[in-house]
């Protein structure tokens, strides 16, 4: 008798959590691997923060556009081609803010 094949179905919630964790790990890797990418100027970092906040509003229309484009595997392309890079950028800007906050308070003693 051949072994039975079980199909593991991932729920939508679990898939979203995996995408979020994966994008956070990629952002952490980018932050550690390429530290020279970080802007050390507060002004430039605040511009990145504003851009990151504005990009959040573009995720839904961009994913809808890719999904309606008729390309093969449009749902996966919209997730991994639109949402995943945007999430990586969001987490990367957050890591940069934490690094700048840590470095600016390095000499502080209470």
PDB file of N, CA and C in Angstrom:
ATOM      1  N   UNK A   1       0.850  -1.172   0.000  1.00  0.00           N
ATOM      2  CA  UNK A   1       0.000   0.000   0.000  1.00  0.00           C
ATOM      3  C   UNK A   1       0.903   1.245   0.000  1.00  0.00           C
ATOM      4  N   UNK A   2       0.707   2.190  -0.952  1.00  0.00           N
ATOM      5  CA  UNK A   2       1.551   3.385  -1.004  1.00  0.00           C
ATOM      6  C   UNK A   2       1.256   4.319   0.162  1.00  0.00           C
ATOM      7  N   UNK A   3       2.264   5.080   0.565  1.00  0.00           N
ATOM      8  CA  UNK A   3       2.028   6.006   1.682  1.00  0.00           C
ATOM      9  C   UNK A   3       1.055   7.098   1.265  1.00  0.00           C
ATOM     10  N   UNK A   4       0.255   7.521   2.219  1.00  0.00           N
ATOM     11  CA  UNK A   4      -0.736   8.569   1.930  1.00  0.00           C
ATOM     12  C   UNK A   4      -0.051   9.928   1.879  1.00  0.00           C
ATOM     13  N   UNK A   5      -0.549  10.758   1.015  1.00  0.00           N
ATOM     14  CA  UNK A   5      -0.005  12.114   0.888  1.00  0.00           C
ATOM     15  C   UNK A   5      -0.986  13.085   1.500  1.00  0.00           C
ATOM     16  N   UNK A   6      -0.521  13.775   2.483  1.00  0.00           N
ATOM     17  CA  UNK A   6      -1.365  14.774   3.127  1.00  0.00           C
ATOM     18  C   UNK A   6      -1.012  16.149   2.585  1.00  0.00           C
ATOM     19  N   UNK A   7      -2.015  16.904   2.307  1.00  0.00           N
ATOM     20  CA  UNK A   7      -1.823  18.264   1.826  1.00  0.00           C
ATOM     21  C   UNK A   7      -1.971  19.197   3.020  1.00  0.00           C
ATOM     22  N   UNK A   8      -0.941  19.980   3.252  1.00  0.00           N
ATOM     23  CA  UNK A   8      -0.978  20.932   4.343  1.00  0.00           C
ATOM     24  C   UNK A   8      -1.476  22.264   3.791  1.00  0.00           C
ATOM     25  N   UNK A   9      -2.575  22.723   4.321  1.00  0.00           N
ATOM     26  CA  UNK A   9      -3.150  23.981   3.870  1.00  0.00           C
ATOM     27  C   UNK A   9      -2.833  25.043   4.917  1.00  0.00           C
ATOM     28  N   UNK A  10      -2.252  26.132   4.444  1.00  0.00           N
ATOM     29  CA  UNK A  10      -1.893  27.237   5.322  1.00  0.00           C
ATOM     30  C   UNK A  10      -3.029  28.245   5.322  1.00  0.00           C
ATOM     31  N   UNK A  11      -3.490  28.614   6.497  1.00  0.00           N
ATOM     32  CA  UNK A  11      -4.573  29.593   6.565  1.00  0.00           C
ATOM     33  C   UNK A  11      -4.054  30.969   6.146  1.00  0.00           C
ATOM     34  N   UNK A  12      -4.968  31.841   5.844  1.00  0.00           N
ATOM     35  CA  UNK A  12      -4.595  33.193   5.420  1.00  0.00           C
ATOM     36  C   UNK A  12      -3.859  33.917   6.539  1.00  0.00           C
ATOM     37  N   UNK A  13      -4.322  33.750   7.751  1.00  0.00           N
ATOM     38  CA  UNK A  13      -3.688  34.416   8.885  1.00  0.00           C
ATOM     39  C   UNK A  13      -2.262  33.921   9.079  1.00  0.00           C
ATOM     40  N   UNK A  14      -2.066  32.628   8.969  1.00  0.00           N
ATOM     41  CA  UNK A  14      -0.721  32.073   9.122  1.00  0.00           C
ATOM     42  C   UNK A  14       0.185  32.529   7.994  1.00  0.00           C
ATOM     43  N   UNK A  15      -0.356  32.637   6.781  1.00  0.00           N
ATOM     44  CA  UNK A  15       0.429  33.106   5.641  1.00  0.00           C
ATOM     45  C   UNK A  15       0.855  34.554   5.841  1.00  0.00           C
ATOM     46  N   UNK A  16      -0.043  35.398   6.317  1.00  0.00           N
ATOM     47  CA  UNK A  16       0.281  36.808   6.561  1.00  0.00           C
ATOM     48  C   UNK A  16       1.337  36.932   7.652  1.00  0.00           C
ATOM     49  N   UNK A  17       1.230  36.126   8.687  1.00  0.00           N
ATOM     50  CA  UNK A  17       2.230  36.152   9.756  1.00  0.00           C
ATOM     51  C   UNK A  17       3.589  35.707   9.226  1.00  0.00           C
ATOM     52  N   UNK A  18       3.604  34.678   8.381  1.00  0.00           N
ATOM     53  CA  UNK A  18       4.869  34.222   7.796  1.00  0.00           C
ATOM     54  C   UNK A  18       5.486  35.278   6.887  1.00  0.00           C
ATOM     55  N   UNK A  19       4.668  35.982   6.118  1.00  0.00           N
ATOM     56  CA  UNK A  19       5.170  37.057   5.260  1.00  0.00           C
ATOM     57  C   UNK A  19       5.735  38.188   6.119  1.00  0.00           C
ATOM     58  N   UNK A  20       5.046  38.548   7.196  1.00  0.00           N
ATOM     59  CA  UNK A  20       5.522  39.623   8.065  1.00  0.00           C
ATOM     60  C   UNK A  20       6.827  39.233   8.754  1.00  0.00           C
ATOM     61  N   UNK A  21       6.916  38.031   9.260  1.00  0.00           N
ATOM     62  CA  UNK A  21       8.147  37.579   9.916  1.00  0.00           C
ATOM     63  C   UNK A  21       9.284  37.495   8.916  1.00  0.00           C
ATOM     64  N   UNK A  22       9.001  36.988   7.739  1.00  0.00           N
ATOM     65  CA  UNK A  22      10.032  36.898   6.707  1.00  0.00           C
ATOM     66  C   UNK A  22      10.540  38.256   6.274  1.00  0.00           C
ATOM     67  N   UNK A  23       9.646  39.214   6.099  1.00  0.00           N
ATOM     68  CA  UNK A  23      10.078  40.554   5.702  1.00  0.00           C
ATOM     69  C   UNK A  23      10.858  41.235   6.825  1.00  0.00           C
ATOM     70  N   UNK A  24      10.482  40.998   8.064  1.00  0.00           N
ATOM     71  CA  UNK A  24      11.241  41.565   9.182  1.00  0.00           C
ATOM     72  C   UNK A  24      12.644  40.965   9.236  1.00  0.00           C
ATOM     73  N   UNK A  25      12.753  39.671   8.974  1.00  0.00           N
ATOM     74  CA  UNK A  25      14.075  39.036   8.979  1.00  0.00           C
ATOM     75  C   UNK A  25      14.946  39.528   7.830  1.00  0.00           C
ATOM     76  N   UNK A  26      14.348  39.740   6.663  1.00  0.00           N
ATOM     77  CA  UNK A  26      15.107  40.285   5.541  1.00  0.00           C
ATOM     78  C   UNK A  26      15.567  41.707   5.850  1.00  0.00           C
ATOM     79  N   UNK A  27      14.700  42.517   6.467  1.00  0.00           N
ATOM     80  CA  UNK A  27      15.078  43.879   6.843  1.00  0.00           C
ATOM     81  C   UNK A  27      16.195  43.865   7.881  1.00  0.00           C
ATOM     82  N   UNK A  28      16.122  42.956   8.832  1.00  0.00           N
ATOM     83  CA  UNK A  28      17.188  42.835   9.835  1.00  0.00           C
ATOM     84  C   UNK A  28      18.498  42.433   9.175  1.00  0.00           C
ATOM     85  N   UNK A  29      18.431  41.496   8.235  1.00  0.00           N
ATOM     86  CA  UNK A  29      19.634  41.078   7.514  1.00  0.00           C
ATOM     87  C   UNK A  29      20.221  42.238   6.727  1.00  0.00           C
ATOM     88  N   UNK A  30      19.374  43.007   6.027  1.00  0.00           N
ATOM     89  CA  UNK A  30      19.859  44.170   5.281  1.00  0.00           C
ATOM     90  C   UNK A  30      20.504  45.190   6.206  1.00  0.00           C
ATOM     91  N   UNK A  31      19.896  45.388   7.364  1.00  0.00           N
ATOM     92  CA  UNK A  31      20.426  46.353   8.326  1.00  0.00           C
ATOM     93  C   UNK A  31      21.794  45.919   8.846  1.00  0.00           C
ATOM     94  N   UNK A  32      21.964  44.640   9.080  1.00  0.00           N
ATOM     95  CA  UNK A  32      23.240  44.144   9.593  1.00  0.00           C
ATOM     96  C   UNK A  32      24.284  43.971   8.492  1.00  0.00           C
ATOM     97  N   UNK A  33      23.850  43.557   7.307  1.00  0.00           N
ATOM     98  CA  UNK A  33      24.785  43.274   6.222  1.00  0.00           C
ATOM     99  C   UNK A  33      25.289  44.543   5.546  1.00  0.00           C
ATOM    100  N   UNK A  34      24.415  45.528   5.408  1.00  0.00           N
ATOM    101  CA  UNK A  34      24.772  46.780   4.738  1.00  0.00           C
ATOM    102  C   UNK A  34      24.528  47.967   5.670  1.00  0.00           C
ATOM    103  N   UNK A  35      25.360  48.141   6.678  1.00  0.00           N
ATOM    104  CA  UNK A  35      25.122  49.243   7.625  1.00  0.00           C
ATOM    105  C   UNK A  35      25.333  50.611   6.997  1.00  0.00           C
ATOM    106  N   UNK A  36      26.047  50.677   5.873  1.00  0.00           N
ATOM    107  CA  UNK A  36      26.286  51.973   5.246  1.00  0.00           C
ATOM    108  C   UNK A  36      25.051  52.511   4.533  1.00  0.00           C
ATOM    109  N   UNK A  37      24.010  51.696   4.378  1.00  0.00           N
ATOM    110  CA  UNK A  37      22.773  52.173   3.760  1.00  0.00           C
ATOM    111  C   UNK A  37      22.001  53.119   4.669  1.00  0.00           C
ATOM    112  N   UNK A  38      22.245  53.030   5.963  1.00  0.00           N
ATOM    113  CA  UNK A  38      21.476  53.823   6.909  1.00  0.00           C
ATOM    114  C   UNK A  38      21.845  55.293   6.813  1.00  0.00           C
ATOM    115  N   UNK A  39      20.828  56.159   6.675  1.00  0.00           N
ATOM    116  CA  UNK A  39      21.117  57.587   6.717  1.00  0.00           C
ATOM    117  C   UNK A  39      21.291  58.040   8.168  1.00  0.00           C
ATOM    118  N   UNK A  40      22.426  58.635   8.477  1.00  0.00           N
ATOM    119  CA  UNK A  40      22.702  59.046   9.847  1.00  0.00           C
ATOM    120  C   UNK A  40      22.191  60.444  10.142  1.00  0.00           C
ATOM    121  N   UNK A  41      21.648  61.119   9.166  1.00  0.00           N
ATOM    122  CA  UNK A  41      21.061  62.440   9.371  1.00  0.00           C
ATOM    123  C   UNK A  41      19.598  62.270   9.790  1.00  0.00           C
ATOM    124  N   UNK A  42      19.215  62.975  10.823  1.00  0.00           N
ATOM    125  CA  UNK A  42      17.835  62.886  11.308  1.00  0.00           C
ATOM    126  C   UNK A  42      16.867  63.402  10.243  1.00  0.00           C
ATOM    127  N   UNK A  43      17.256  64.407   9.504  1.00  0.00           N
ATOM    128  CA  UNK A  43      16.391  64.975   8.469  1.00  0.00           C
ATOM    129  C   UNK A  43      16.122  63.932   7.372  1.00  0.00           C
ATOM    130  N   UNK A  44      17.161  63.267   6.900  1.00  0.00           N
ATOM    131  CA  UNK A  44      16.996  62.262   5.849  1.00  0.00           C
ATOM    132  C   UNK A  44      16.199  61.068   6.370  1.00  0.00           C
ATOM    133  N   UNK A  45      16.434  60.698   7.610  1.00  0.00           N
ATOM    134  CA  UNK A  45      15.703  59.574   8.194  1.00  0.00           C
ATOM    135  C   UNK A  45      14.221  59.907   8.361  1.00  0.00           C
ATOM    136  N   UNK A  46      13.913  61.139   8.692  1.00  0.00           N
ATOM    137  CA  UNK A  46      12.510  61.536   8.795  1.00  0.00           C
ATOM    138  C   UNK A  46      11.839  61.554   7.425  1.00  0.00           C
ATOM    139  N   UNK A  47      12.587  61.888   6.376  1.00  0.00           N
ATOM    140  CA  UNK A  47      12.035  61.794   5.019  1.00  0.00           C
ATOM    141  C   UNK A  47      11.721  60.333   4.689  1.00  0.00           C
ATOM    142  N   UNK A  48      12.630  59.424   5.056  1.00  0.00           N
ATOM    143  CA  UNK A  48      12.369  57.998   4.850  1.00  0.00           C
ATOM    144  C   UNK A  48      11.136  57.552   5.633  1.00  0.00           C
ATOM    145  N   UNK A  49      10.968  58.068   6.836  1.00  0.00           N
ATOM    146  CA  UNK A  49       9.817  57.704   7.651  1.00  0.00           C
ATOM    147  C   UNK A  49       8.523  58.186   7.007  1.00  0.00           C
ATOM    148  N   UNK A  50       8.518  59.403   6.501  1.00  0.00           N
ATOM    149  CA  UNK A  50       7.315  59.932   5.851  1.00  0.00           C
ATOM    150  C   UNK A  50       7.012  59.134   4.580  1.00  0.00           C
ATOM    151  N   UNK A  51       8.052  58.829   3.807  1.00  0.00           N
ATOM    152  CA  UNK A  51       7.851  58.017   2.595  1.00  0.00           C
ATOM    153  C   UNK A  51       7.310  56.639   2.963  1.00  0.00           C
ATOM    154  N   UNK A  52       7.850  56.046   4.016  1.00  0.00           N
ATOM    155  CA  UNK A  52       7.386  54.719   4.449  1.00  0.00           C
ATOM    156  C   UNK A  52       5.920  54.772   4.878  1.00  0.00           C
ATOM    157  N   UNK A  53       5.530  55.837   5.545  1.00  0.00           N
ATOM    158  CA  UNK A  53       4.134  55.954   5.967  1.00  0.00           C
ATOM    159  C   UNK A  53       3.211  56.201   4.779  1.00  0.00           C
ATOM    160  N   UNK A  54       3.678  56.945   3.784  1.00  0.00           N
ATOM    161  CA  UNK A  54       2.855  57.200   2.597  1.00  0.00           C
ATOM    162  C   UNK A  54       2.741  55.960   1.710  1.00  0.00           C
ATOM    163  N   UNK A  55       3.779  55.154   1.667  1.00  0.00           N
ATOM    164  CA  UNK A  55       3.756  53.938   0.843  1.00  0.00           C
ATOM    165  C   UNK A  55       2.709  52.951   1.345  1.00  0.00           C
ATOM    166  N   UNK A  56       2.429  52.982   2.636  1.00  0.00           N
ATOM    167  CA  UNK A  56       1.426  52.071   3.194  1.00  0.00           C
ATOM    168  C   UNK A  56       0.083  52.266   2.489  1.00  0.00           C
ATOM    169  N   UNK A  57      -0.228  53.516   2.148  1.00  0.00           N
ATOM    170  CA  UNK A  57      -1.496  53.786   1.480  1.00  0.00           C
ATOM    171  C   UNK A  57      -1.505  53.322   0.030  1.00  0.00           C
ATOM    172  N   UNK A  58      -0.357  53.044  -0.543  1.00  0.00           N
ATOM    173  CA  UNK A  58      -0.274  52.595  -1.933  1.00  0.00           C
ATOM    174  C   UNK A  58      -0.298  51.081  -2.067  1.00  0.00           C
ATOM    175  N   UNK A  59      -0.242  50.362  -0.965  1.00  0.00           N
ATOM    176  CA  UNK A  59      -0.172  48.902  -1.036  1.00  0.00           C
ATOM    177  C   UNK A  59      -1.450  48.321  -1.635  1.00  0.00           C
ATOM    178  N   UNK A  60      -2.591  48.710  -1.131  1.00  0.00           N
ATOM    179  CA  UNK A  60      -3.847  48.139  -1.595  1.00  0.00           C
ATOM    180  C   UNK A  60      -4.114  48.436  -3.075  1.00  0.00           C
ATOM    181  N   UNK A  61      -3.993  49.691  -3.535  1.00  0.00           N
ATOM    182  CA  UNK A  61      -4.211  49.916  -4.974  1.00  0.00           C
ATOM    183  C   UNK A  61      -3.188  49.205  -5.857  1.00  0.00           C
ATOM    184  N   UNK A  62      -1.948  49.136  -5.416  1.00  0.00           N
ATOM    185  CA  UNK A  62      -0.923  48.467  -6.215  1.00  0.00           C
ATOM    186  C   UNK A  62      -1.190  46.964  -6.302  1.00  0.00           C
ATOM    187  N   UNK A  63      -1.582  46.361  -5.192  1.00  0.00           N
ATOM    188  CA  UNK A  63      -1.900  44.929  -5.222  1.00  0.00           C
ATOM    189  C   UNK A  63      -3.140  44.662  -6.066  1.00  0.00           C
ATOM    190  N   UNK A  64      -4.133  45.552  -6.013  1.00  0.00           N
ATOM    191  CA  UNK A  64      -5.325  45.397  -6.836  1.00  0.00           C
ATOM    192  C   UNK A  64      -4.988  45.541  -8.319  1.00  0.00           C
ATOM    193  N   UNK A  65      -4.089  46.469  -8.633  1.00  0.00           N
ATOM    194  CA  UNK A  65      -3.681  46.660 -10.023  1.00  0.00           C
ATOM    195  C   UNK A  65      -2.968  45.426 -10.564  1.00  0.00           C
ATOM    196  N   UNK A  66      -2.051  44.885  -9.777  1.00  0.00           N
ATOM    197  CA  UNK A  66      -1.332  43.679 -10.216  1.00  0.00           C
ATOM    198  C   UNK A  66      -2.294  42.505 -10.301  1.00  0.00           C
ATOM    199  N   UNK A  67      -3.208  42.405  -9.344  1.00  0.00           N
ATOM    200  CA  UNK A  67      -4.168  41.304  -9.366  1.00  0.00           C
ATOM    201  C   UNK A  67      -5.104  41.352 -10.556  1.00  0.00           C
ATOM    202  N   UNK A  68      -5.449  42.550 -11.025  1.00  0.00           N
ATOM    203  CA  UNK A  68      -6.351  42.703 -12.163  1.00  0.00           C
ATOM    204  C   UNK A  68      -5.629  42.750 -13.496  1.00  0.00           C
ATOM    205  N   UNK A  69      -4.320  42.670 -13.476  1.00  0.00           N
ATOM    206  CA  UNK A  69      -3.559  42.801 -14.716  1.00  0.00           C
ATOM    207  C   UNK A  69      -3.663  41.578 -15.615  1.00  0.00           C
ATOM    208  N   UNK A  70      -4.060  40.452 -15.078  1.00  0.00           N
ATOM    209  CA  UNK A  70      -4.218  39.251 -15.882  1.00  0.00           C
ATOM    210  C   UNK A  70      -2.946  38.445 -16.067  1.00  0.00           C
ATOM    211  N   UNK A  71      -1.886  38.797 -15.341  1.00  0.00           N
ATOM    212  CA  UNK A  71      -0.657  38.019 -15.462  1.00  0.00           C
ATOM    213  C   UNK A  71      -0.825  36.697 -14.720  1.00  0.00           C
ATOM    214  N   UNK A  72      -0.083  35.673 -15.133  1.00  0.00           N
ATOM    215  CA  UNK A  72      -0.187  34.392 -14.428  1.00  0.00           C
ATOM    216  C   UNK A  72       0.264  34.529 -12.965  1.00  0.00           C
ATOM    217  N   UNK A  73      -0.404  33.847 -12.115  1.00  0.00           N
ATOM    218  CA  UNK A  73      -0.101  33.848 -10.681  1.00  0.00           C
ATOM    219  C   UNK A  73      -0.133  35.266 -10.110  1.00  0.00           C
ATOM    220  N   UNK A  74      -1.156  36.024 -10.457  1.00  0.00           N
ATOM    221  CA  UNK A  74      -1.242  37.435 -10.086  1.00  0.00           C
ATOM    222  C   UNK A  74      -1.280  37.623  -8.566  1.00  0.00           C
ATOM    223  N   UNK A  75      -1.924  36.732  -7.867  1.00  0.00           N
ATOM    224  CA  UNK A  75      -1.991  36.890  -6.405  1.00  0.00           C
ATOM    225  C   UNK A  75      -0.616  36.766  -5.768  1.00  0.00           C
ATOM    226  N   UNK A  76       0.151  35.763  -6.207  1.00  0.00           N
ATOM    227  CA  UNK A  76       1.494  35.600  -5.641  1.00  0.00           C
ATOM    228  C   UNK A  76       2.414  36.745  -6.050  1.00  0.00           C
ATOM    229  N   UNK A  77       2.277  37.206  -7.287  1.00  0.00           N
ATOM    230  CA  UNK A  77       3.092  38.334  -7.733  1.00  0.00           C
ATOM    231  C   UNK A  77       2.747  39.582  -6.938  1.00  0.00           C
ATOM    232  N   UNK A  78       1.474  39.789  -6.642  1.00  0.00           N
ATOM    233  CA  UNK A  78       1.108  40.973  -5.865  1.00  0.00           C
ATOM    234  C   UNK A  78       1.608  40.882  -4.430  1.00  0.00           C
ATOM    235  N   UNK A  79       1.633  39.671  -3.874  1.00  0.00           N
ATOM    236  CA  UNK A  79       2.130  39.519  -2.497  1.00  0.00           C
ATOM    237  C   UNK A  79       3.644  39.669  -2.442  1.00  0.00           C
ATOM    238  N   UNK A  80       4.346  38.917  -3.325  1.00  0.00           N
ATOM    239  CA  UNK A  80       5.805  38.907  -3.248  1.00  0.00           C
ATOM    240  C   UNK A  80       6.463  40.017  -4.064  1.00  0.00           C
ATOM    241  N   UNK A  81       5.739  40.634  -4.977  1.00  0.00           N
ATOM    242  CA  UNK A  81       6.312  41.712  -5.775  1.00  0.00           C
ATOM    243  C   UNK A  81       5.927  43.092  -5.300  1.00  0.00           C
ATOM    244  N   UNK A  82       4.837  43.192  -4.533  1.00  0.00           N
ATOM    245  CA  UNK A  82       4.384  44.502  -4.046  1.00  0.00           C
ATOM    246  C   UNK A  82       4.455  44.558  -2.521  1.00  0.00           C
ATOM    247  N   UNK A  83       3.720  43.693  -1.860  1.00  0.00           N
ATOM    248  CA  UNK A  83       3.591  43.786  -0.397  1.00  0.00           C
ATOM    249  C   UNK A  83       4.884  43.437   0.331  1.00  0.00           C
ATOM    250  N   UNK A  84       5.561  42.381  -0.098  1.00  0.00           N
ATOM    251  CA  UNK A  84       6.773  41.957   0.607  1.00  0.00           C
ATOM    252  C   UNK A  84       7.871  43.024   0.579  1.00  0.00           C
ATOM    253  N   UNK A  85       8.209  43.605  -0.588  1.00  0.00           N
ATOM    254  CA  UNK A  85       9.242  44.659  -0.571  1.00  0.00           C
ATOM    255  C   UNK A  85       8.839  45.883   0.247  1.00  0.00           C
ATOM    256  N   UNK A  86       7.553  46.219   0.221  1.00  0.00           N
ATOM    257  CA  UNK A  86       7.108  47.369   1.016  1.00  0.00           C
ATOM    258  C   UNK A  86       7.245  47.069   2.501  1.00  0.00           C
ATOM    259  N   UNK A  87       6.892  45.861   2.909  1.00  0.00           N
ATOM    260  CA  UNK A  87       7.063  45.490   4.314  1.00  0.00           C
ATOM    261  C   UNK A  87       8.536  45.482   4.717  1.00  0.00           C
ATOM    262  N   UNK A  88       9.401  45.018   3.834  1.00  0.00           N
ATOM    263  CA  UNK A  88      10.834  45.034   4.127  1.00  0.00           C
ATOM    264  C   UNK A  88      11.296  46.469   4.348  1.00  0.00           C
ATOM    265  N   UNK A  89      10.867  47.383   3.482  1.00  0.00           N
ATOM    266  CA  UNK A  89      11.253  48.791   3.629  1.00  0.00           C
ATOM    267  C   UNK A  89      10.711  49.376   4.930  1.00  0.00           C
ATOM    268  N   UNK A  90       9.479  49.050   5.276  1.00  0.00           N
ATOM    269  CA  UNK A  90       8.895  49.553   6.528  1.00  0.00           C
ATOM    270  C   UNK A  90       9.710  49.081   7.738  1.00  0.00           C
ATOM    271  N   UNK A  91      10.026  47.803   7.777  1.00  0.00           N
ATOM    272  CA  UNK A  91      10.820  47.280   8.890  1.00  0.00           C
ATOM    273  C   UNK A  91      12.244  47.842   8.887  1.00  0.00           C
ATOM    274  N   UNK A  92      12.800  48.070   7.703  1.00  0.00           N
ATOM    275  CA  UNK A  92      14.148  48.634   7.616  1.00  0.00           C
ATOM    276  C   UNK A  92      14.189  50.054   8.153  1.00  0.00           C
ATOM    277  N   UNK A  93      13.202  50.863   7.829  1.00  0.00           N
ATOM    278  CA  UNK A  93      13.136  52.224   8.358  1.00  0.00           C
ATOM    279  C   UNK A  93      12.961  52.184   9.877  1.00  0.00           C
ATOM    280  N   UNK A  94      12.169  51.254  10.368  1.00  0.00           N
ATOM    281  CA  UNK A  94      12.028  51.097  11.817  1.00  0.00           C
ATOM    282  C   UNK A  94      13.340  50.722  12.491  1.00  0.00           C
ATOM    283  N   UNK A  95      14.100  49.832  11.865  1.00  0.00           N
ATOM    284  CA  UNK A  95      15.408  49.454  12.421  1.00  0.00           C
ATOM    285  C   UNK A  95      16.363  50.644  12.400  1.00  0.00           C
ATOM    286  N   UNK A  96      16.311  51.436  11.325  1.00  0.00           N
ATOM    287  CA  UNK A  96      17.159  52.632  11.268  1.00  0.00           C
ATOM    288  C   UNK A  96      16.802  53.621  12.368  1.00  0.00           C
ATOM    289  N   UNK A  97      15.512  53.787  12.637  1.00  0.00           N
ATOM    290  CA  UNK A  97      15.100  54.694  13.718  1.00  0.00           C
ATOM    291  C   UNK A  97      15.604  54.203  15.071  1.00  0.00           C
ATOM    292  N   UNK A  98      15.542  52.905  15.286  1.00  0.00           N
ATOM    293  CA  UNK A  98      16.036  52.348  16.549  1.00  0.00           C
ATOM    294  C   UNK A  98      17.542  52.548  16.665  1.00  0.00           C
ATOM    295  N   UNK A  99      18.273  52.288  15.568  1.00  0.00           N
ATOM    296  CA  UNK A  99      19.737  52.469  15.604  1.00  0.00           C
ATOM    297  C   UNK A  99      20.112  53.917  15.867  1.00  0.00           C
ATOM    298  N   UNK A 100      19.401  54.854  15.229  1.00  0.00           N
ATOM    299  CA  UNK A 100      19.708  56.268  15.452  1.00  0.00           C
ATOM    300  C   UNK A 100      19.389  56.680  16.879  1.00  0.00           C
ATOM    301  N   UNK A 101      18.292  56.183  17.419  1.00  0.00           N
ATOM    302  CA  UNK A 101      17.927  56.494  18.809  1.00  0.00           C
ATOM    303  C   UNK A 101      18.965  55.914  19.779  1.00  0.00           C
ATOM    304  N   UNK A 102      19.439  54.715  19.494  1.00  0.00           N
ATOM    305  CA  UNK A 102      20.449  54.102  20.357  1.00  0.00           C
ATOM    306  C   UNK A 102      21.763  54.856  20.290  1.00  0.00           C
ATOM    307  N   UNK A 103      22.157  55.280  19.105  1.00  0.00           N
ATOM    308  CA  UNK A 103      23.442  55.965  18.984  1.00  0.00           C
ATOM    309  C   UNK A 103      23.387  57.378  19.523  1.00  0.00           C
ATOM    310  N   UNK A 104      22.231  58.021  19.464  1.00  0.00           N
ATOM    311  CA  UNK A 104      22.142  59.390  19.974  1.00  0.00           C
ATOM    312  C   UNK A 104      22.100  59.417  21.496  1.00  0.00           C
ATOM    313  N   UNK A 105      21.644  58.342  22.108  1.00  0.00           N
ATOM    314  CA  UNK A 105      21.595  58.285  23.560  1.00  0.00           C
ATOM    315  C   UNK A 105      22.719  57.488  24.175  1.00  0.00           C
ATOM    316  N   UNK A 106      23.781  57.239  23.418  1.00  0.00           N
ATOM    317  CA  UNK A 106      24.870  56.396  23.897  1.00  0.00           C
ATOM    318  C   UNK A 106      25.618  57.008  25.071  1.00  0.00           C
ATOM    319  N   UNK A 107      25.755  58.334  25.091  1.00  0.00           N
ATOM    320  CA  UNK A 107      26.485  58.971  26.167  1.00  0.00           C
ATOM    321  C   UNK A 107      25.621  59.403  27.331  1.00  0.00           C
ATOM    322  N   UNK A 108      24.345  59.106  27.291  1.00  0.00           N
ATOM    323  CA  UNK A 108      23.414  59.535  28.334  1.00  0.00           C
ATOM    324  C   UNK A 108      23.512  58.642  29.555  1.00  0.00           C
ATOM    325  N   UNK A 109      23.598  59.263  30.723  1.00  0.00           N
ATOM    326  CA  UNK A 109      23.579  58.521  31.983  1.00  0.00           C
ATOM    327  C   UNK A 109      22.604  59.216  32.926  1.00  0.00           C
ATOM    328  N   UNK A 110      21.761  58.418  33.542  1.00  0.00           N
ATOM    329  CA  UNK A 110      20.751  58.979  34.441  1.00  0.00           C
ATOM    330  C   UNK A 110      21.314  59.135  35.830  1.00  0.00           C
TER     331      UNK A 110
END
